[in-house]
Amino acid sequence: MSEDRDALMLEILKNIQHRLSRVEDAQNTTNRRLSAIEAHLVGFHTTVSANTADIDDLKLRLDRIEKRLDLVE
């Protein structure tokens, strides 16, 4: 009887180990996907920042042009 219980417990533990392995694999996949999203966001923010700087430069140039042409009130 003890051997039956031992075999049953071993099967249960193997099942738990297998399921835990699947959970770990899923977590690793999720971590890789999250890292890719974070990298994408960094690139996006860098692009937005560069565009904002370009817009600021264009606004300054436009202000100077308007002053030279006396278009400013």
PDB file of N, CA and C in Angstrom:
ATOM      1  N   MET A   1       0.814  -1.185   0.000  1.00  0.00           N
ATOM      2  CA  MET A   1       0.000   0.000   0.000  1.00  0.00           C
ATOM      3  C   MET A   1       0.863   1.256   0.000  1.00  0.00           C
ATOM      4  N   SER A   2       1.943   1.225   0.742  1.00  0.00           N
ATOM      5  CA  SER A   2       2.835   2.372   0.823  1.00  0.00           C
ATOM      6  C   SER A   2       3.466   2.672  -0.535  1.00  0.00           C
ATOM      7  N   GLU A   3       3.764   1.607  -1.274  1.00  0.00           N
ATOM      8  CA  GLU A   3       4.350   1.805  -2.605  1.00  0.00           C
ATOM      9  C   GLU A   3       3.354   2.467  -3.542  1.00  0.00           C
ATOM     10  N   ASP A   4       2.080   2.133  -3.404  1.00  0.00           N
ATOM     11  CA  ASP A   4       1.046   2.764  -4.226  1.00  0.00           C
ATOM     12  C   ASP A   4       0.950   4.255  -3.933  1.00  0.00           C
ATOM     13  N   ARG A   5       1.006   4.584  -2.639  1.00  0.00           N
ATOM     14  CA  ARG A   5       0.958   6.000  -2.261  1.00  0.00           C
ATOM     15  C   ARG A   5       2.185   6.735  -2.767  1.00  0.00           C
ATOM     16  N   ASP A   6       3.338   6.109  -2.644  1.00  0.00           N
ATOM     17  CA  ASP A   6       4.577   6.720  -3.129  1.00  0.00           C
ATOM     18  C   ASP A   6       4.510   6.960  -4.641  1.00  0.00           C
ATOM     19  N   ALA A   7       4.006   5.983  -5.374  1.00  0.00           N
ATOM     20  CA  ALA A   7       3.889   6.119  -6.825  1.00  0.00           C
ATOM     21  C   ALA A   7       2.893   7.214  -7.182  1.00  0.00           C
ATOM     22  N   LEU A   8       1.789   7.271  -6.433  1.00  0.00           N
ATOM     23  CA  LEU A   8       0.786   8.312  -6.667  1.00  0.00           C
ATOM     24  C   LEU A   8       1.361   9.694  -6.395  1.00  0.00           C
ATOM     25  N   MET A   9       2.059   9.819  -5.282  1.00  0.00           N
ATOM     26  CA  MET A   9       2.684  11.101  -4.932  1.00  0.00           C
ATOM     27  C   MET A   9       3.716  11.498  -5.978  1.00  0.00           C
ATOM     28  N   LEU A  10       4.484  10.515  -6.456  1.00  0.00           N
ATOM     29  CA  LEU A  10       5.480  10.791  -7.481  1.00  0.00           C
ATOM     30  C   LEU A  10       4.817  11.295  -8.752  1.00  0.00           C
ATOM     31  N   GLU A  11       3.718  10.698  -9.136  1.00  0.00           N
ATOM     32  CA  GLU A  11       2.987  11.134 -10.325  1.00  0.00           C
ATOM     33  C   GLU A  11       2.442  12.548 -10.140  1.00  0.00           C
ATOM     34  N   ILE A  12       1.895  12.809  -8.958  1.00  0.00           N
ATOM     35  CA  ILE A  12       1.367  14.147  -8.664  1.00  0.00           C
ATOM     36  C   ILE A  12       2.485  15.180  -8.728  1.00  0.00           C
ATOM     37  N   LEU A  13       3.623  14.868  -8.131  1.00  0.00           N
ATOM     38  CA  LEU A  13       4.750  15.795  -8.143  1.00  0.00           C
ATOM     39  C   LEU A  13       5.295  16.006  -9.552  1.00  0.00           C
ATOM     40  N   LYS A  14       5.329  14.951 -10.360  1.00  0.00           N
ATOM     41  CA  LYS A  14       5.770  15.095 -11.748  1.00  0.00           C
ATOM     42  C   LYS A  14       4.819  15.998 -12.528  1.00  0.00           C
ATOM     43  N   ASN A  15       3.527  15.827 -12.272  1.00  0.00           N
ATOM     44  CA  ASN A  15       2.530  16.664 -12.927  1.00  0.00           C
ATOM     45  C   ASN A  15       2.708  18.133 -12.531  1.00  0.00           C
ATOM     46  N   ILE A  16       2.908  18.358 -11.259  1.00  0.00           N
ATOM     47  CA  ILE A  16       3.134  19.730 -10.762  1.00  0.00           C
ATOM     48  C   ILE A  16       4.404  20.308 -11.387  1.00  0.00           C
ATOM     49  N   GLN A  17       5.444  19.518 -11.444  1.00  0.00           N
ATOM     50  CA  GLN A  17       6.707  19.978 -12.034  1.00  0.00           C
ATOM     51  C   GLN A  17       6.514  20.329 -13.506  1.00  0.00           C
ATOM     52  N   HIS A  18       5.788  19.510 -14.229  1.00  0.00           N
ATOM     53  CA  HIS A  18       5.531  19.765 -15.655  1.00  0.00           C
ATOM     54  C   HIS A  18       4.737  21.059 -15.835  1.00  0.00           C
ATOM     55  N   ARG A  19       3.690  21.228 -15.025  1.00  0.00           N
ATOM     56  CA  ARG A  19       2.868  22.439 -15.132  1.00  0.00           C
ATOM     57  C   ARG A  19       3.669  23.681 -14.749  1.00  0.00           C
ATOM     58  N   LEU A  20       4.511  23.565 -13.736  1.00  0.00           N
ATOM     59  CA  LEU A  20       5.352  24.689 -13.331  1.00  0.00           C
ATOM     60  C   LEU A  20       6.324  25.059 -14.448  1.00  0.00           C
ATOM     61  N   SER A  21       6.842  24.064 -15.132  1.00  0.00           N
ATOM     62  CA  SER A  21       7.731  24.311 -16.257  1.00  0.00           C
ATOM     63  C   SER A  21       7.012  25.092 -17.352  1.00  0.00           C
ATOM     64  N   ARG A  22       5.750  24.731 -17.611  1.00  0.00           N
ATOM     65  CA  ARG A  22       4.964  25.456 -18.612  1.00  0.00           C
ATOM     66  C   ARG A  22       4.721  26.899 -18.180  1.00  0.00           C
ATOM     67  N   VAL A  23       4.472  27.100 -16.899  1.00  0.00           N
ATOM     68  CA  VAL A  23       4.271  28.457 -16.375  1.00  0.00           C
ATOM     69  C   VAL A  23       5.554  29.274 -16.534  1.00  0.00           C
ATOM     70  N   GLU A  24       6.688  28.662 -16.241  1.00  0.00           N
ATOM     71  CA  GLU A  24       7.975  29.351 -16.389  1.00  0.00           C
ATOM     72  C   GLU A  24       8.231  29.720 -17.849  1.00  0.00           C
ATOM     73  N   ASP A  25       7.914  28.818 -18.769  1.00  0.00           N
ATOM     74  CA  ASP A  25       8.080  29.111 -20.193  1.00  0.00           C
ATOM     75  C   ASP A  25       7.191  30.282 -20.613  1.00  0.00           C
ATOM     76  N   ALA A  26       5.959  30.266 -20.146  1.00  0.00           N
ATOM     77  CA  ALA A  26       5.035  31.360 -20.473  1.00  0.00           C
ATOM     78  C   ALA A  26       5.540  32.680 -19.888  1.00  0.00           C
ATOM     79  N   GLN A  27       6.076  32.640 -18.682  1.00  0.00           N
ATOM     80  CA  GLN A  27       6.604  33.856 -18.047  1.00  0.00           C
ATOM     81  C   GLN A  27       7.801  34.380 -18.824  1.00  0.00           C
ATOM     82  N   ASN A  28       8.671  33.494 -19.274  1.00  0.00           N
ATOM     83  CA  ASN A  28       9.822  33.919 -20.070  1.00  0.00           C
ATOM     84  C   ASN A  28       9.381  34.574 -21.369  1.00  0.00           C
ATOM     85  N   THR A  29       8.370  33.999 -22.005  1.00  0.00           N
ATOM     86  CA  THR A  29       7.834  34.588 -23.232  1.00  0.00           C
ATOM     87  C   THR A  29       7.257  35.970 -22.952  1.00  0.00           C
ATOM     88  N   THR A  30       6.516  36.078 -21.875  1.00  0.00           N
ATOM     89  CA  THR A  30       5.934  37.371 -21.497  1.00  0.00           C
ATOM     90  C   THR A  30       7.024  38.397 -21.218  1.00  0.00           C
ATOM     91  N   ASN A  31       8.081  37.987 -20.543  1.00  0.00           N
ATOM     92  CA  ASN A  31       9.184  38.904 -20.246  1.00  0.00           C
ATOM     93  C   ASN A  31       9.863  39.391 -21.526  1.00  0.00           C
ATOM     94  N   ARG A  32      10.056  38.487 -22.490  1.00  0.00           N
ATOM     95  CA  ARG A  32      10.665  38.894 -23.759  1.00  0.00           C
ATOM     96  C   ARG A  32       9.774  39.867 -24.508  1.00  0.00           C
ATOM     97  N   ARG A  33       8.474  39.596 -24.509  1.00  0.00           N
ATOM     98  CA  ARG A  33       7.542  40.491 -25.192  1.00  0.00           C
ATOM     99  C   ARG A  33       7.513  41.856 -24.513  1.00  0.00           C
ATOM    100  N   LEU A  34       7.534  41.884 -23.195  1.00  0.00           N
ATOM    101  CA  LEU A  34       7.534  43.146 -22.463  1.00  0.00           C
ATOM    102  C   LEU A  34       8.807  43.938 -22.757  1.00  0.00           C
ATOM    103  N   SER A  35       9.923  43.259 -22.824  1.00  0.00           N
ATOM    104  CA  SER A  35      11.184  43.933 -23.160  1.00  0.00           C
ATOM    105  C   SER A  35      11.120  44.551 -24.552  1.00  0.00           C
ATOM    106  N   ALA A  36      10.516  43.842 -25.498  1.00  0.00           N
ATOM    107  CA  ALA A  36      10.369  44.371 -26.850  1.00  0.00           C
ATOM    108  C   ALA A  36       9.467  45.605 -26.856  1.00  0.00           C
ATOM    109  N   ILE A  37       8.396  45.569 -26.085  1.00  0.00           N
ATOM    110  CA  ILE A  37       7.495  46.721 -25.987  1.00  0.00           C
ATOM    111  C   ILE A  37       8.222  47.908 -25.373  1.00  0.00           C
ATOM    112  N   GLU A  38       8.988  47.664 -24.329  1.00  0.00           N
ATOM    113  CA  GLU A  38       9.738  48.747 -23.683  1.00  0.00           C
ATOM    114  C   GLU A  38      10.736  49.369 -24.655  1.00  0.00           C
ATOM    115  N   ALA A  39      11.433  48.535 -25.422  1.00  0.00           N
ATOM    116  CA  ALA A  39      12.395  49.045 -26.405  1.00  0.00           C
ATOM    117  C   ALA A  39      11.675  49.876 -27.460  1.00  0.00           C
ATOM    118  N   HIS A  40      10.514  49.429 -27.877  1.00  0.00           N
ATOM    119  CA  HIS A  40       9.734  50.174 -28.866  1.00  0.00           C
ATOM    120  C   HIS A  40       9.324  51.532 -28.299  1.00  0.00           C
ATOM    121  N   LEU A  41       8.889  51.548 -27.045  1.00  0.00           N
ATOM    122  CA  LEU A  41       8.487  52.809 -26.420  1.00  0.00           C
ATOM    123  C   LEU A  41       9.657  53.780 -26.295  1.00  0.00           C
ATOM    124  N   VAL A  42      10.836  53.260 -26.000  1.00  0.00           N
ATOM    125  CA  VAL A  42      12.019  54.125 -25.924  1.00  0.00           C
ATOM    126  C   VAL A  42      12.262  54.784 -27.280  1.00  0.00           C
ATOM    127  N   GLY A  43      12.177  53.986 -28.336  1.00  0.00           N
ATOM    128  CA  GLY A  43      12.352  54.536 -29.677  1.00  0.00           C
ATOM    129  C   GLY A  43      11.279  55.551 -30.014  1.00  0.00           C
ATOM    130  N   PHE A  44      10.051  55.258 -29.630  1.00  0.00           N
ATOM    131  CA  PHE A  44       8.945  56.186 -29.876  1.00  0.00           C
ATOM    132  C   PHE A  44       9.169  57.506 -29.158  1.00  0.00           C
ATOM    133  N   HIS A  45       9.541  57.447 -27.891  1.00  0.00           N
ATOM    134  CA  HIS A  45       9.772  58.677 -27.125  1.00  0.00           C
ATOM    135  C   HIS A  45      10.954  59.464 -27.685  1.00  0.00           C
ATOM    136  N   THR A  46      11.969  58.776 -28.148  1.00  0.00           N
ATOM    137  CA  THR A  46      13.114  59.446 -28.756  1.00  0.00           C
ATOM    138  C   THR A  46      12.680  60.196 -30.009  1.00  0.00           C
ATOM    139  N   THR A  47      11.852  59.555 -30.826  1.00  0.00           N
ATOM    140  CA  THR A  47      11.359  60.192 -32.048  1.00  0.00           C
ATOM    141  C   THR A  47      10.497  61.400 -31.716  1.00  0.00           C
ATOM    142  N   VAL A  48       9.614  61.263 -30.754  1.00  0.00           N
ATOM    143  CA  VAL A  48       8.756  62.384 -30.357  1.00  0.00           C
ATOM    144  C   VAL A  48       9.603  63.541 -29.845  1.00  0.00           C
ATOM    145  N   SER A  49      10.605  63.243 -29.055  1.00  0.00           N
ATOM    146  CA  SER A  49      11.480  64.276 -28.519  1.00  0.00           C
ATOM    147  C   SER A  49      12.223  65.005 -29.637  1.00  0.00           C
ATOM    148  N   ALA A  50      12.725  64.257 -30.598  1.00  0.00           N
ATOM    149  CA  ALA A  50      13.422  64.867 -31.729  1.00  0.00           C
ATOM    150  C   ALA A  50      12.468  65.734 -32.542  1.00  0.00           C
ATOM    151  N   ASN A  51      11.247  65.253 -32.759  1.00  0.00           N
ATOM    152  CA  ASN A  51      10.266  66.039 -33.511  1.00  0.00           C
ATOM    153  C   ASN A  51       9.892  67.318 -32.770  1.00  0.00           C
ATOM    154  N   THR A  52       9.780  67.226 -31.466  1.00  0.00           N
ATOM    155  CA  THR A  52       9.462  68.411 -30.667  1.00  0.00           C
ATOM    156  C   THR A  52      10.580  69.442 -30.787  1.00  0.00           C
ATOM    157  N   ALA A  53      11.812  68.997 -30.751  1.00  0.00           N
ATOM    158  CA  ALA A  53      12.946  69.909 -30.903  1.00  0.00           C
ATOM    159  C   ALA A  53      12.927  70.555 -32.287  1.00  0.00           C
ATOM    160  N   ASP A  54      12.620  69.780 -33.318  1.00  0.00           N
ATOM    161  CA  ASP A  54      12.537  70.334 -34.673  1.00  0.00           C
ATOM    162  C   ASP A  54      11.423  71.369 -34.777  1.00  0.00           C
ATOM    163  N   ILE A  55      10.275  71.091 -34.170  1.00  0.00           N
ATOM    164  CA  ILE A  55       9.157  72.040 -34.196  1.00  0.00           C
ATOM    165  C   ILE A  55       9.541  73.317 -33.470  1.00  0.00           C
ATOM    166  N   ASP A  56      10.219  73.191 -32.345  1.00  0.00           N
ATOM    167  CA  ASP A  56      10.666  74.385 -31.603  1.00  0.00           C
ATOM    168  C   ASP A  56      11.612  75.230 -32.453  1.00  0.00           C
ATOM    169  N   ASP A  57      12.533  74.585 -33.166  1.00  0.00           N
ATOM    170  CA  ASP A  57      13.445  75.319 -34.048  1.00  0.00           C
ATOM    171  C   ASP A  57      12.679  76.031 -35.156  1.00  0.00           C
ATOM    172  N   LEU A  58      11.704  75.363 -35.733  1.00  0.00           N
ATOM    173  CA  LEU A  58      10.902  75.988 -36.795  1.00  0.00           C
ATOM    174  C   LEU A  58      10.093  77.168 -36.267  1.00  0.00           C
ATOM    175  N   LYS A  59       9.582  77.063 -35.061  1.00  0.00           N
ATOM    176  CA  LYS A  59       8.840  78.180 -34.461  1.00  0.00           C
ATOM    177  C   LYS A  59       9.750  79.389 -34.263  1.00  0.00           C
ATOM    178  N   LEU A  60      10.971  79.138 -33.805  1.00  0.00           N
ATOM    179  CA  LEU A  60      11.912  80.248 -33.632  1.00  0.00           C
ATOM    180  C   LEU A  60      12.224  80.914 -34.970  1.00  0.00           C
ATOM    181  N   ARG A  61      12.448  80.105 -35.994  1.00  0.00           N
ATOM    182  CA  ARG A  61      12.740  80.655 -37.325  1.00  0.00           C
ATOM    183  C   ARG A  61      11.551  81.440 -37.851  1.00  0.00           C
ATOM    184  N   LEU A  62      10.344  80.939 -37.650  1.00  0.00           N
ATOM    185  CA  LEU A  62       9.146  81.639 -38.100  1.00  0.00           C
ATOM    186  C   LEU A  62       8.980  82.953 -37.361  1.00  0.00           C
ATOM    187  N   ASP A  63       9.252  82.948 -36.069  1.00  0.00           N
ATOM    188  CA  ASP A  63       9.174  84.201 -35.295  1.00  0.00           C
ATOM    189  C   ASP A  63      10.144  85.243 -35.840  1.00  0.00           C
ATOM    190  N   ARG A  64      11.373  84.810 -36.161  1.00  0.00           N
ATOM    191  CA  ARG A  64      12.354  85.744 -36.718  1.00  0.00           C
ATOM    192  C   ARG A  64      11.910  86.281 -38.078  1.00  0.00           C
ATOM    193  N   ILE A  65      11.341  85.414 -38.895  1.00  0.00           N
ATOM    194  CA  ILE A  65      10.882  85.837 -40.224  1.00  0.00           C
ATOM    195  C   ILE A  65       9.745  86.839 -40.076  1.00  0.00           C
ATOM    196  N   GLU A  66       8.804  86.556 -39.192  1.00  0.00           N
ATOM    197  CA  GLU A  66       7.699  87.490 -38.986  1.00  0.00           C
ATOM    198  C   GLU A  66       8.185  88.836 -38.489  1.00  0.00           C
ATOM    199  N   LYS A  67       9.193  88.850 -37.606  1.00  0.00           N
ATOM    200  CA  LYS A  67       9.725  90.127 -37.126  1.00  0.00           C
ATOM    201  C   LYS A  67      10.393  90.901 -38.252  1.00  0.00           C
ATOM    202  N   ARG A  68      11.159  90.210 -39.108  1.00  0.00           N
ATOM    203  CA  ARG A  68      11.815  90.898 -40.220  1.00  0.00           C
ATOM    204  C   ARG A  68      10.822  91.470 -41.209  1.00  0.00           C
ATOM    205  N   LEU A  69       9.705  90.795 -41.397  1.00  0.00           N
ATOM    206  CA  LEU A  69       8.701  91.262 -42.348  1.00  0.00           C
ATOM    207  C   LEU A  69       7.672  92.170 -41.690  1.00  0.00           C
ATOM    208  N   ASP A  70       7.886  92.496 -40.421  1.00  0.00           N
ATOM    209  CA  ASP A  70       6.959  93.331 -39.669  1.00  0.00           C
ATOM    210  C   ASP A  70       5.538  92.769 -39.684  1.00  0.00           C
ATOM    211  N   LEU A  71       5.413  91.502 -39.514  1.00  0.00           N
ATOM    212  CA  LEU A  71       4.101  90.863 -39.475  1.00  0.00           C
ATOM    213  C   LEU A  71       3.618  90.639 -38.039  1.00  0.00           C
ATOM    214  N   VAL A  72       4.454  90.985 -37.074  1.00  0.00           N
ATOM    215  CA  VAL A  72       4.107  90.801 -35.670  1.00  0.00           C
ATOM    216  C   VAL A  72       3.407  92.060 -35.179  1.00  0.00           C
ATOM    217  N   GLU A  73       2.314  91.865 -34.479  1.00  0.00           N
ATOM    218  CA  GLU A  73       1.576  93.021 -33.936  1.00  0.00           C
ATOM    219  C   GLU A  73       2.224  93.549 -32.689  1.00  0.00           C
TER     220      GLU A  73
END
